[in-house]
Amino acid sequence: MHLYVPPSTTHVRFVFIVIFSVIQETRNFVIL
């Protein structure tokens, strides 16, 4: 990935969705 992508609302939203999904996965794992 040599392409530089400037931060934007869509990029931040994507990162937030990824982090939220990871948190949900870890939470489900802890519950199990």
N, C-alpha and C. Protein backbone atom coordinates (compact mmCIF):
# COMPACT_ATOMS: atom_id res chain seq x y z
N MET A 1 0.85 -1.20 0.00
CA MET A 1 0.00 0.00 0.00
C MET A 1 0.89 1.25 0.00
N HIS A 2 1.28 1.65 -1.18
CA HIS A 2 2.07 2.88 -1.30
C HIS A 2 1.18 4.09 -1.53
N LEU A 3 -0.11 3.83 -1.68
CA LEU A 3 -1.03 4.92 -1.94
C LEU A 3 -1.42 5.57 -0.62
N TYR A 4 -1.29 6.88 -0.57
CA TYR A 4 -1.64 7.62 0.64
C TYR A 4 -3.06 8.15 0.52
N VAL A 5 -3.90 7.78 1.48
CA VAL A 5 -5.30 8.24 1.46
C VAL A 5 -5.49 9.25 2.58
N PRO A 6 -5.83 10.48 2.24
CA PRO A 6 -6.04 11.50 3.27
C PRO A 6 -7.25 11.14 4.14
N PRO A 7 -7.21 11.46 5.40
CA PRO A 7 -8.32 11.14 6.30
C PRO A 7 -9.59 11.85 5.87
N SER A 8 -10.68 11.12 5.89
CA SER A 8 -11.97 11.70 5.53
C SER A 8 -13.04 11.11 6.43
N THR A 9 -14.23 11.59 6.30
CA THR A 9 -15.32 11.09 7.16
C THR A 9 -15.60 9.62 6.86
N THR A 10 -15.51 9.23 5.60
CA THR A 10 -15.77 7.83 5.25
C THR A 10 -14.68 6.93 5.84
N HIS A 11 -13.43 7.38 5.81
CA HIS A 11 -12.34 6.58 6.35
C HIS A 11 -12.50 6.44 7.87
N VAL A 12 -12.81 7.52 8.52
CA VAL A 12 -13.00 7.48 9.98
C VAL A 12 -14.18 6.57 10.32
N ARG A 13 -15.21 6.67 9.52
CA ARG A 13 -16.39 5.83 9.76
C ARG A 13 -16.03 4.36 9.58
N PHE A 14 -15.23 4.05 8.58
CA PHE A 14 -14.82 2.66 8.34
C PHE A 14 -13.99 2.14 9.52
N VAL A 15 -13.06 2.95 9.99
CA VAL A 15 -12.22 2.54 11.12
C VAL A 15 -13.09 2.33 12.36
N PHE A 16 -14.06 3.22 12.56
CA PHE A 16 -14.94 3.10 13.72
C PHE A 16 -15.76 1.80 13.64
N ILE A 17 -16.22 1.48 12.45
CA ILE A 17 -17.01 0.25 12.27
C ILE A 17 -16.14 -0.98 12.55
N VAL A 18 -14.91 -0.95 12.08
CA VAL A 18 -14.00 -2.08 12.31
C VAL A 18 -13.73 -2.25 13.80
N ILE A 19 -13.43 -1.16 14.48
CA ILE A 19 -13.15 -1.22 15.92
C ILE A 19 -14.39 -1.71 16.68
N PHE A 20 -15.56 -1.21 16.29
CA PHE A 20 -16.79 -1.62 16.96
C PHE A 20 -17.04 -3.11 16.76
N SER A 21 -16.80 -3.61 15.56
CA SER A 21 -17.01 -5.03 15.29
C SER A 21 -16.03 -5.88 16.10
N VAL A 22 -14.79 -5.42 16.23
CA VAL A 22 -13.80 -6.16 17.02
C VAL A 22 -14.23 -6.19 18.48
N ILE A 23 -14.72 -5.08 18.99
CA ILE A 23 -15.18 -5.02 20.38
C ILE A 23 -16.35 -5.97 20.58
N GLN A 24 -17.26 -6.01 19.63
CA GLN A 24 -18.40 -6.92 19.73
C GLN A 24 -17.92 -8.37 19.73
N GLU A 25 -16.96 -8.68 18.89
CA GLU A 25 -16.44 -10.05 18.83
C GLU A 25 -15.79 -10.43 20.16
N THR A 26 -14.99 -9.56 20.72
CA THR A 26 -14.32 -9.86 21.99
C THR A 26 -15.35 -9.98 23.11
N ARG A 27 -16.39 -9.15 23.05
CA ARG A 27 -17.43 -9.21 24.08
C ARG A 27 -18.16 -10.55 24.00
N ASN A 28 -18.46 -11.00 22.79
CA ASN A 28 -19.13 -12.29 22.63
C ASN A 28 -18.22 -13.43 23.11
N PHE A 29 -16.94 -13.30 22.86
CA PHE A 29 -16.00 -14.33 23.28
C PHE A 29 -15.94 -14.39 24.81
N VAL A 30 -15.95 -13.23 25.45
CA VAL A 30 -15.90 -13.18 26.92
C VAL A 30 -17.19 -13.78 27.49
N ILE A 31 -18.31 -13.50 26.85
CA ILE A 31 -19.59 -14.05 27.31
C ILE A 31 -19.57 -15.58 27.20
N LEU A 32 -19.01 -16.09 26.11
CA LEU A 32 -18.93 -17.54 25.94
C LEU A 32 -17.92 -18.11 26.93
